[in-house]
Amino acid sequence: DELVDGPAAATTTMADLDAWAGRLDDTFAKSAGPLAQGMEWEDLSLADSIQRFSLIKRPFEDMIAGMAMDLTKDRYSTFQELEVYCYRVAGTVGLMTLPVLGFEGRPELCEESREKTVCAAMSLGMAFQLTNILRDVGEDGRRGRIYVPLEDLRRFHIDEEEILEAS
């Protein structure tokens, strides 16, 4: 998510994210066959991981959708809205890592155990993101973003302006 949070964040556009989505589509398509020379090293690394660990595309697509939220949304009214964002930018990381950590090759797990593990992986990613949100209130405020839900700010009698001014 460095595209929307890193040094180049101010110049990142939806077209940049569309280009990443295109690269993702190409990489998943190319991973279905023998890996080709001439791919960028990042794409080749991902294609190799897709083959080795049977990665699925959806979490990667959802992460790009989360980065798009950073470009189009700078406030969240409710925690439910924020949860969608947290899933997209961090819960997806939990889903992406499960196959790499060997979870997919565990046929002895019952369906309930599999579901609990997937939920735990998503929850851990989301917990990390919520921690980042609290840690980065000032940095985000300097960018004009407030991730703490507005309903919670109101509940604790904090104005948006207070956060922005304190940043």
N, C-alpha and C. Protein backbone atom coordinates (compact mmCIF):
# COMPACT_ATOMS: atom_id res chain seq x y z
N ASP A 1 0.81 -1.20 0.00
CA ASP A 1 0.00 0.00 0.00
C ASP A 1 0.85 1.26 0.00
N GLU A 2 2.14 1.12 -0.28
CA GLU A 2 3.02 2.28 -0.34
C GLU A 2 2.59 3.27 -1.42
N LEU A 3 1.90 2.79 -2.43
CA LEU A 3 1.42 3.71 -3.47
C LEU A 3 0.55 4.81 -2.89
N VAL A 4 -0.26 4.48 -1.90
CA VAL A 4 -1.20 5.46 -1.35
C VAL A 4 -0.78 5.98 0.02
N ASP A 5 0.23 5.39 0.62
CA ASP A 5 0.69 5.82 1.94
C ASP A 5 2.15 6.21 1.98
N GLY A 6 2.89 5.93 0.93
CA GLY A 6 4.32 6.19 0.93
C GLY A 6 4.68 7.56 0.38
N PRO A 7 5.95 7.72 0.04
CA PRO A 7 6.45 9.01 -0.43
C PRO A 7 5.74 9.54 -1.69
N ALA A 8 5.28 8.65 -2.55
CA ALA A 8 4.63 9.07 -3.80
C ALA A 8 3.11 9.18 -3.67
N ALA A 9 2.60 9.08 -2.46
CA ALA A 9 1.14 9.04 -2.25
C ALA A 9 0.42 10.24 -2.85
N ALA A 10 1.03 11.41 -2.75
CA ALA A 10 0.36 12.63 -3.22
C ALA A 10 0.12 12.62 -4.73
N THR A 11 0.90 11.84 -5.46
CA THR A 11 0.76 11.82 -6.92
C THR A 11 0.10 10.55 -7.44
N THR A 12 -0.25 9.64 -6.56
CA THR A 12 -0.89 8.39 -6.98
C THR A 12 -2.33 8.66 -7.39
N THR A 13 -2.73 8.05 -8.51
CA THR A 13 -4.08 8.23 -9.05
C THR A 13 -4.78 6.88 -9.19
N MET A 14 -6.06 6.95 -9.48
CA MET A 14 -6.80 5.72 -9.76
C MET A 14 -6.22 5.00 -10.97
N ALA A 15 -5.68 5.75 -11.92
CA ALA A 15 -5.05 5.12 -13.09
C ALA A 15 -3.86 4.27 -12.67
N ASP A 16 -3.11 4.72 -11.65
CA ASP A 16 -2.00 3.92 -11.14
C ASP A 16 -2.50 2.60 -10.55
N LEU A 17 -3.60 2.69 -9.80
CA LEU A 17 -4.16 1.46 -9.22
C LEU A 17 -4.73 0.56 -10.31
N ASP A 18 -5.33 1.15 -11.33
CA ASP A 18 -5.81 0.36 -12.47
C ASP A 18 -4.65 -0.37 -13.15
N ALA A 19 -3.51 0.31 -13.25
CA ALA A 19 -2.33 -0.33 -13.84
C ALA A 19 -1.87 -1.50 -12.98
N TRP A 20 -1.90 -1.33 -11.64
CA TRP A 20 -1.55 -2.43 -10.74
C TRP A 20 -2.53 -3.59 -10.90
N ALA A 21 -3.79 -3.27 -11.04
CA ALA A 21 -4.80 -4.32 -11.23
C ALA A 21 -4.54 -5.07 -12.53
N GLY A 22 -4.15 -4.34 -13.56
CA GLY A 22 -3.81 -4.98 -14.84
C GLY A 22 -2.60 -5.89 -14.71
N ARG A 23 -1.58 -5.42 -13.99
CA ARG A 23 -0.40 -6.26 -13.75
C ARG A 23 -0.78 -7.50 -12.97
N LEU A 24 -1.66 -7.34 -12.01
CA LEU A 24 -2.11 -8.48 -11.22
C LEU A 24 -2.80 -9.50 -12.11
N ASP A 25 -3.71 -9.03 -12.97
CA ASP A 25 -4.40 -9.93 -13.90
C ASP A 25 -3.40 -10.66 -14.79
N ASP A 26 -2.44 -9.91 -15.34
CA ASP A 26 -1.42 -10.52 -16.21
C ASP A 26 -0.59 -11.55 -15.47
N THR A 27 -0.22 -11.23 -14.23
CA THR A 27 0.61 -12.14 -13.45
C THR A 27 -0.14 -13.42 -13.13
N PHE A 28 -1.40 -13.30 -12.74
CA PHE A 28 -2.17 -14.52 -12.48
C PHE A 28 -2.35 -15.33 -13.76
N ALA A 29 -2.58 -14.66 -14.88
CA ALA A 29 -2.74 -15.38 -16.16
C ALA A 29 -1.45 -16.09 -16.54
N LYS A 30 -0.32 -15.42 -16.40
CA LYS A 30 0.97 -16.01 -16.76
C LYS A 30 1.36 -17.13 -15.81
N SER A 31 0.86 -17.09 -14.58
CA SER A 31 1.24 -18.12 -13.60
C SER A 31 0.60 -19.46 -13.93
N ALA A 32 -0.37 -19.48 -14.85
CA ALA A 32 -1.04 -20.72 -15.20
C ALA A 32 -0.15 -21.63 -16.05
N GLY A 33 0.89 -21.08 -16.64
CA GLY A 33 1.78 -21.87 -17.48
C GLY A 33 3.21 -21.75 -17.01
N PRO A 34 4.15 -22.13 -17.89
CA PRO A 34 5.57 -21.97 -17.54
C PRO A 34 5.88 -20.48 -17.36
N LEU A 35 6.65 -20.18 -16.35
CA LEU A 35 6.96 -18.77 -16.08
C LEU A 35 7.91 -18.24 -17.14
N ALA A 36 7.57 -17.06 -17.65
CA ALA A 36 8.29 -16.49 -18.78
C ALA A 36 9.43 -15.60 -18.34
N GLN A 37 10.47 -15.64 -19.11
CA GLN A 37 11.54 -14.66 -18.94
C GLN A 37 10.99 -13.32 -19.41
N GLY A 38 11.60 -12.25 -18.95
CA GLY A 38 11.16 -10.93 -19.37
C GLY A 38 10.11 -10.31 -18.47
N MET A 39 9.63 -11.07 -17.49
CA MET A 39 8.69 -10.49 -16.52
C MET A 39 9.50 -9.66 -15.53
N GLU A 40 8.87 -8.61 -15.00
CA GLU A 40 9.50 -7.86 -13.92
C GLU A 40 9.73 -8.81 -12.75
N TRP A 41 10.79 -8.58 -11.99
CA TRP A 41 11.12 -9.53 -10.92
C TRP A 41 9.99 -9.67 -9.91
N GLU A 42 9.27 -8.56 -9.64
CA GLU A 42 8.18 -8.62 -8.67
C GLU A 42 7.05 -9.51 -9.19
N ASP A 43 6.74 -9.37 -10.49
CA ASP A 43 5.69 -10.18 -11.10
C ASP A 43 6.10 -11.65 -11.16
N LEU A 44 7.35 -11.88 -11.49
CA LEU A 44 7.87 -13.25 -11.55
C LEU A 44 7.82 -13.89 -10.16
N SER A 45 8.18 -13.14 -9.13
CA SER A 45 8.13 -13.66 -7.76
C SER A 45 6.70 -14.01 -7.36
N LEU A 46 5.77 -13.12 -7.70
CA LEU A 46 4.37 -13.40 -7.37
C LEU A 46 3.86 -14.59 -8.16
N ALA A 47 4.18 -14.64 -9.45
CA ALA A 47 3.73 -15.77 -10.28
C ALA A 47 4.26 -17.09 -9.73
N ASP A 48 5.51 -17.09 -9.31
CA ASP A 48 6.09 -18.30 -8.70
C ASP A 48 5.33 -18.68 -7.43
N SER A 49 5.01 -17.69 -6.60
CA SER A 49 4.26 -17.97 -5.37
C SER A 49 2.85 -18.45 -5.67
N ILE A 50 2.23 -17.90 -6.71
CA ILE A 50 0.90 -18.36 -7.11
C ILE A 50 0.95 -19.84 -7.47
N GLN A 51 1.97 -20.22 -8.22
CA GLN A 51 2.11 -21.62 -8.59
C GLN A 51 2.42 -22.51 -7.40
N ARG A 52 3.38 -22.12 -6.59
CA ARG A 52 3.83 -22.95 -5.47
C ARG A 52 2.77 -23.13 -4.39
N PHE A 53 2.01 -22.07 -4.13
CA PHE A 53 1.11 -22.08 -2.98
C PHE A 53 -0.36 -21.99 -3.34
N SER A 54 -0.67 -22.06 -4.63
CA SER A 54 -2.07 -21.99 -5.09
C SER A 54 -2.79 -20.76 -4.55
N LEU A 55 -2.11 -19.61 -4.65
CA LEU A 55 -2.72 -18.37 -4.19
C LEU A 55 -3.93 -18.03 -5.06
N ILE A 56 -4.91 -17.41 -4.45
CA ILE A 56 -6.08 -16.97 -5.21
C ILE A 56 -6.03 -15.46 -5.38
N LYS A 57 -6.68 -14.99 -6.43
CA LYS A 57 -6.57 -13.58 -6.82
C LYS A 57 -7.41 -12.64 -5.95
N ARG A 58 -8.52 -13.10 -5.44
CA ARG A 58 -9.47 -12.21 -4.77
C ARG A 58 -8.87 -11.34 -3.67
N PRO A 59 -8.07 -11.88 -2.74
CA PRO A 59 -7.50 -11.00 -1.71
C PRO A 59 -6.63 -9.88 -2.30
N PHE A 60 -5.92 -10.17 -3.37
CA PHE A 60 -5.09 -9.15 -4.00
C PHE A 60 -5.97 -8.06 -4.62
N GLU A 61 -7.05 -8.49 -5.27
CA GLU A 61 -8.00 -7.51 -5.85
C GLU A 61 -8.63 -6.67 -4.75
N ASP A 62 -8.99 -7.32 -3.65
CA ASP A 62 -9.60 -6.58 -2.54
C ASP A 62 -8.62 -5.57 -1.95
N MET A 63 -7.34 -5.93 -1.90
CA MET A 63 -6.35 -4.99 -1.38
C MET A 63 -6.25 -3.75 -2.27
N ILE A 64 -6.26 -3.95 -3.57
CA ILE A 64 -6.23 -2.80 -4.48
C ILE A 64 -7.47 -1.95 -4.28
N ALA A 65 -8.62 -2.59 -4.05
CA ALA A 65 -9.85 -1.83 -3.77
C ALA A 65 -9.70 -1.02 -2.48
N GLY A 66 -8.99 -1.55 -1.50
CA GLY A 66 -8.73 -0.81 -0.27
C GLY A 66 -7.84 0.39 -0.52
N MET A 67 -6.83 0.22 -1.38
CA MET A 67 -5.98 1.35 -1.71
C MET A 67 -6.78 2.42 -2.45
N ALA A 68 -7.74 1.99 -3.26
CA ALA A 68 -8.61 2.96 -3.95
C ALA A 68 -9.42 3.75 -2.93
N MET A 69 -9.81 3.10 -1.84
CA MET A 69 -10.54 3.82 -0.79
C MET A 69 -9.68 4.94 -0.21
N ASP A 70 -8.36 4.71 -0.10
CA ASP A 70 -7.47 5.76 0.40
C ASP A 70 -7.48 6.98 -0.52
N LEU A 71 -7.71 6.75 -1.80
CA LEU A 71 -7.72 7.87 -2.75
C LEU A 71 -9.07 8.59 -2.81
N THR A 72 -10.12 7.91 -2.40
CA THR A 72 -11.47 8.48 -2.59
C THR A 72 -12.19 8.80 -1.29
N LYS A 73 -11.67 8.33 -0.17
CA LYS A 73 -12.40 8.49 1.09
C LYS A 73 -11.41 8.93 2.17
N ASP A 74 -11.75 10.01 2.87
CA ASP A 74 -10.85 10.46 3.93
C ASP A 74 -11.51 10.48 5.30
N ARG A 75 -12.75 9.99 5.38
CA ARG A 75 -13.46 9.88 6.65
C ARG A 75 -14.33 8.62 6.62
N TYR A 76 -14.56 8.05 7.79
CA TYR A 76 -15.44 6.89 7.94
C TYR A 76 -16.47 7.24 9.00
N SER A 77 -17.72 7.16 8.63
CA SER A 77 -18.79 7.55 9.56
C SER A 77 -18.96 6.55 10.69
N THR A 78 -18.86 5.27 10.36
CA THR A 78 -19.13 4.22 11.35
C THR A 78 -17.99 3.21 11.38
N PHE A 79 -17.98 2.43 12.45
CA PHE A 79 -16.99 1.37 12.53
C PHE A 79 -17.23 0.32 11.45
N GLN A 80 -18.49 0.09 11.08
CA GLN A 80 -18.79 -0.88 10.03
C GLN A 80 -18.14 -0.46 8.71
N GLU A 81 -18.16 0.84 8.40
CA GLU A 81 -17.48 1.33 7.20
C GLU A 81 -15.98 1.09 7.30
N LEU A 82 -15.43 1.39 8.47
CA LEU A 82 -13.99 1.22 8.67
C LEU A 82 -13.59 -0.26 8.57
N GLU A 83 -14.47 -1.15 9.02
CA GLU A 83 -14.18 -2.59 8.94
C GLU A 83 -13.95 -3.03 7.50
N VAL A 84 -14.74 -2.50 6.58
CA VAL A 84 -14.57 -2.85 5.16
C VAL A 84 -13.17 -2.43 4.71
N TYR A 85 -12.79 -1.21 5.05
CA TYR A 85 -11.46 -0.72 4.70
C TYR A 85 -10.37 -1.61 5.32
N CYS A 86 -10.50 -1.89 6.61
CA CYS A 86 -9.49 -2.71 7.31
C CYS A 86 -9.37 -4.10 6.70
N TYR A 87 -10.51 -4.70 6.34
CA TYR A 87 -10.43 -6.00 5.67
C TYR A 87 -9.63 -5.86 4.38
N ARG A 88 -9.97 -4.86 3.59
CA ARG A 88 -9.35 -4.74 2.27
C ARG A 88 -7.85 -4.49 2.34
N VAL A 89 -7.41 -3.63 3.25
CA VAL A 89 -5.98 -3.30 3.26
C VAL A 89 -5.15 -4.20 4.17
N ALA A 90 -5.78 -4.95 5.07
CA ALA A 90 -4.98 -5.74 6.01
C ALA A 90 -5.53 -7.15 6.24
N GLY A 91 -6.84 -7.29 6.32
CA GLY A 91 -7.40 -8.64 6.47
C GLY A 91 -7.00 -9.52 5.29
N THR A 92 -6.87 -8.90 4.14
CA THR A 92 -6.46 -9.63 2.93
C THR A 92 -5.06 -10.22 3.09
N VAL A 93 -4.20 -9.52 3.82
CA VAL A 93 -2.84 -10.02 4.01
C VAL A 93 -2.88 -11.35 4.76
N GLY A 94 -3.75 -11.44 5.75
CA GLY A 94 -3.91 -12.71 6.45
C GLY A 94 -4.33 -13.82 5.51
N LEU A 95 -5.26 -13.51 4.61
CA LEU A 95 -5.72 -14.52 3.65
C LEU A 95 -4.61 -14.90 2.67
N MET A 96 -3.82 -13.91 2.26
CA MET A 96 -2.74 -14.18 1.31
C MET A 96 -1.66 -15.07 1.92
N THR A 97 -1.43 -14.92 3.21
CA THR A 97 -0.34 -15.66 3.84
C THR A 97 -0.71 -17.09 4.25
N LEU A 98 -1.98 -17.38 4.41
CA LEU A 98 -2.37 -18.72 4.86
C LEU A 98 -1.77 -19.84 3.99
N PRO A 99 -1.89 -19.78 2.66
CA PRO A 99 -1.30 -20.86 1.86
C PRO A 99 0.21 -20.94 2.01
N VAL A 100 0.87 -19.79 2.11
CA VAL A 100 2.32 -19.76 2.25
C VAL A 100 2.75 -20.40 3.56
N LEU A 101 1.92 -20.23 4.60
CA LEU A 101 2.23 -20.80 5.90
C LEU A 101 1.85 -22.28 6.01
N GLY A 102 1.33 -22.85 4.92
CA GLY A 102 1.02 -24.27 4.89
C GLY A 102 -0.40 -24.65 5.24
N PHE A 103 -1.26 -23.67 5.38
CA PHE A 103 -2.64 -23.96 5.79
C PHE A 103 -3.41 -24.77 4.75
N GLU A 104 -3.19 -24.50 3.49
CA GLU A 104 -3.97 -25.18 2.43
C GLU A 104 -3.68 -26.67 2.35
N GLY A 105 -2.52 -27.08 2.78
CA GLY A 105 -2.17 -28.49 2.70
C GLY A 105 -2.50 -29.27 3.95
N ARG A 106 -3.58 -28.91 4.63
CA ARG A 106 -3.94 -29.56 5.89
C ARG A 106 -5.29 -30.27 5.77
N PRO A 107 -5.35 -31.39 5.06
CA PRO A 107 -6.63 -32.07 4.86
C PRO A 107 -7.23 -32.63 6.15
N GLU A 108 -6.41 -32.75 7.20
CA GLU A 108 -6.92 -33.32 8.46
C GLU A 108 -7.81 -32.33 9.21
N LEU A 109 -7.80 -31.07 8.82
CA LEU A 109 -8.63 -30.08 9.50
C LEU A 109 -10.09 -30.20 9.06
N CYS A 110 -10.98 -30.18 10.01
CA CYS A 110 -12.40 -30.19 9.68
C CYS A 110 -12.81 -28.82 9.17
N GLU A 111 -13.97 -28.74 8.56
CA GLU A 111 -14.44 -27.48 7.98
C GLU A 111 -14.53 -26.37 9.03
N GLU A 112 -14.99 -26.71 10.22
CA GLU A 112 -15.09 -25.71 11.28
C GLU A 112 -13.72 -25.13 11.65
N SER A 113 -12.73 -26.00 11.74
CA SER A 113 -11.37 -25.54 12.06
C SER A 113 -10.81 -24.67 10.94
N ARG A 114 -11.09 -25.04 9.71
CA ARG A 114 -10.64 -24.25 8.57
C ARG A 114 -11.27 -22.86 8.62
N GLU A 115 -12.57 -22.79 8.86
CA GLU A 115 -13.27 -21.50 8.92
C GLU A 115 -12.73 -20.64 10.06
N LYS A 116 -12.49 -21.25 11.21
CA LYS A 116 -11.95 -20.50 12.35
C LYS A 116 -10.56 -19.96 12.04
N THR A 117 -9.76 -20.74 11.35
CA THR A 117 -8.40 -20.30 11.00
C THR A 117 -8.45 -19.14 10.03
N VAL A 118 -9.30 -19.21 9.03
CA VAL A 118 -9.45 -18.13 8.06
C VAL A 118 -9.94 -16.86 8.78
N CYS A 119 -10.92 -17.00 9.64
CA CYS A 119 -11.43 -15.84 10.40
C CYS A 119 -10.33 -15.24 11.28
N ALA A 120 -9.54 -16.10 11.91
CA ALA A 120 -8.45 -15.61 12.77
C ALA A 120 -7.41 -14.86 11.95
N ALA A 121 -7.09 -15.36 10.76
CA ALA A 121 -6.10 -14.69 9.91
C ALA A 121 -6.61 -13.31 9.49
N MET A 122 -7.88 -13.23 9.09
CA MET A 122 -8.45 -11.93 8.72
C MET A 122 -8.50 -11.00 9.93
N SER A 123 -8.90 -11.52 11.07
CA SER A 123 -9.00 -10.70 12.28
C SER A 123 -7.64 -10.16 12.71
N LEU A 124 -6.61 -10.98 12.59
CA LEU A 124 -5.28 -10.52 12.96
C LEU A 124 -4.84 -9.37 12.06
N GLY A 125 -5.06 -9.51 10.75
CA GLY A 125 -4.72 -8.43 9.83
C GLY A 125 -5.49 -7.16 10.16
N MET A 126 -6.77 -7.32 10.46
CA MET A 126 -7.59 -6.16 10.79
C MET A 126 -7.13 -5.52 12.11
N ALA A 127 -6.74 -6.34 13.07
CA ALA A 127 -6.24 -5.80 14.34
C ALA A 127 -4.96 -4.99 14.12
N PHE A 128 -4.09 -5.50 13.27
CA PHE A 128 -2.87 -4.74 12.94
C PHE A 128 -3.24 -3.39 12.31
N GLN A 129 -4.24 -3.40 11.41
CA GLN A 129 -4.63 -2.15 10.76
C GLN A 129 -5.23 -1.17 11.75
N LEU A 130 -6.06 -1.65 12.65
CA LEU A 130 -6.63 -0.76 13.66
C LEU A 130 -5.53 -0.16 14.54
N THR A 131 -4.53 -0.96 14.85
CA THR A 131 -3.38 -0.46 15.62
C THR A 131 -2.65 0.62 14.83
N ASN A 132 -2.46 0.39 13.53
CA ASN A 132 -1.82 1.39 12.68
C ASN A 132 -2.63 2.69 12.65
N ILE A 133 -3.93 2.56 12.58
CA ILE A 133 -4.80 3.75 12.56
C ILE A 133 -4.59 4.58 13.82
N LEU A 134 -4.57 3.91 14.97
CA LEU A 134 -4.37 4.64 16.23
C LEU A 134 -2.96 5.24 16.31
N ARG A 135 -1.98 4.50 15.86
CA ARG A 135 -0.59 4.98 15.88
C ARG A 135 -0.41 6.19 14.96
N ASP A 136 -1.11 6.19 13.82
CA ASP A 136 -0.88 7.19 12.78
C ASP A 136 -1.90 8.32 12.74
N VAL A 137 -2.62 8.55 13.84
CA VAL A 137 -3.63 9.62 13.84
C VAL A 137 -3.02 10.94 13.38
N GLY A 138 -1.85 11.28 13.89
CA GLY A 138 -1.21 12.54 13.53
C GLY A 138 -0.78 12.59 12.07
N GLU A 139 -0.09 11.55 11.64
CA GLU A 139 0.37 11.48 10.25
C GLU A 139 -0.81 11.54 9.28
N ASP A 140 -1.85 10.77 9.58
CA ASP A 140 -3.03 10.77 8.71
C ASP A 140 -3.71 12.14 8.74
N GLY A 141 -3.76 12.76 9.92
CA GLY A 141 -4.36 14.09 10.03
C GLY A 141 -3.63 15.10 9.16
N ARG A 142 -2.30 14.99 9.08
CA ARG A 142 -1.53 15.91 8.23
C ARG A 142 -1.86 15.70 6.76
N ARG A 143 -2.36 14.54 6.42
CA ARG A 143 -2.78 14.26 5.04
C ARG A 143 -4.27 14.55 4.84
N GLY A 144 -4.92 15.06 5.89
CA GLY A 144 -6.34 15.38 5.79
C GLY A 144 -7.24 14.18 5.98
N ARG A 145 -6.69 13.07 6.46
CA ARG A 145 -7.45 11.84 6.65
C ARG A 145 -7.73 11.62 8.14
N ILE A 146 -8.93 11.14 8.40
CA ILE A 146 -9.28 10.71 9.76
C ILE A 146 -9.93 9.34 9.64
N TYR A 147 -9.22 8.33 10.15
CA TYR A 147 -9.74 6.97 10.05
C TYR A 147 -10.57 6.57 11.26
N VAL A 148 -10.39 7.23 12.40
CA VAL A 148 -11.22 6.92 13.56
C VAL A 148 -12.66 7.28 13.17
N PRO A 149 -13.59 6.35 13.33
CA PRO A 149 -14.97 6.63 12.89
C PRO A 149 -15.54 7.90 13.53
N LEU A 150 -16.21 8.67 12.72
CA LEU A 150 -16.77 9.94 13.19
C LEU A 150 -17.76 9.73 14.32
N GLU A 151 -18.51 8.60 14.29
CA GLU A 151 -19.45 8.33 15.38
C GLU A 151 -18.71 8.18 16.71
N ASP A 152 -17.51 7.63 16.67
CA ASP A 152 -16.72 7.47 17.90
C ASP A 152 -16.14 8.80 18.35
N LEU A 153 -15.71 9.62 17.40
CA LEU A 153 -15.23 10.95 17.79
C LEU A 153 -16.34 11.72 18.50
N ARG A 154 -17.55 11.68 17.93
CA ARG A 154 -18.68 12.39 18.55
C ARG A 154 -18.98 11.82 19.94
N ARG A 155 -18.91 10.51 20.06
CA ARG A 155 -19.21 9.87 21.35
C ARG A 155 -18.26 10.36 22.44
N PHE A 156 -17.01 10.66 22.05
CA PHE A 156 -16.03 11.13 23.03
C PHE A 156 -15.81 12.64 22.95
N HIS A 157 -16.75 13.32 22.28
CA HIS A 157 -16.75 14.79 22.22
C HIS A 157 -15.47 15.35 21.61
N ILE A 158 -15.02 14.74 20.52
CA ILE A 158 -13.84 15.20 19.80
C ILE A 158 -14.29 15.67 18.41
N ASP A 159 -13.89 16.86 18.05
CA ASP A 159 -14.22 17.40 16.73
C ASP A 159 -13.14 16.99 15.73
N GLU A 160 -13.54 16.86 14.47
CA GLU A 160 -12.57 16.59 13.41
C GLU A 160 -11.47 17.64 13.42
N GLU A 161 -11.84 18.90 13.61
CA GLU A 161 -10.89 20.00 13.60
C GLU A 161 -9.82 19.83 14.68
N GLU A 162 -10.21 19.27 15.83
CA GLU A 162 -9.24 19.05 16.90
C GLU A 162 -8.15 18.10 16.44
N ILE A 163 -8.54 17.06 15.74
CA ILE A 163 -7.56 16.10 15.26
C ILE A 163 -6.66 16.74 14.22
N LEU A 164 -7.26 17.46 13.28
CA LEU A 164 -6.47 18.09 12.23
C LEU A 164 -5.53 19.16 12.78
N GLU A 165 -6.00 19.94 13.73
CA GLU A 165 -5.16 20.98 14.33
C GLU A 165 -4.03 20.38 15.16
N ALA A 166 -4.28 19.28 15.84
CA ALA A 166 -3.27 18.64 16.68
C ALA A 166 -2.21 17.92 15.83
N SER A 167 -2.54 17.70 14.58
CA SER A 167 -1.61 16.98 13.70
C SER A 167 -0.51 17.88 13.26
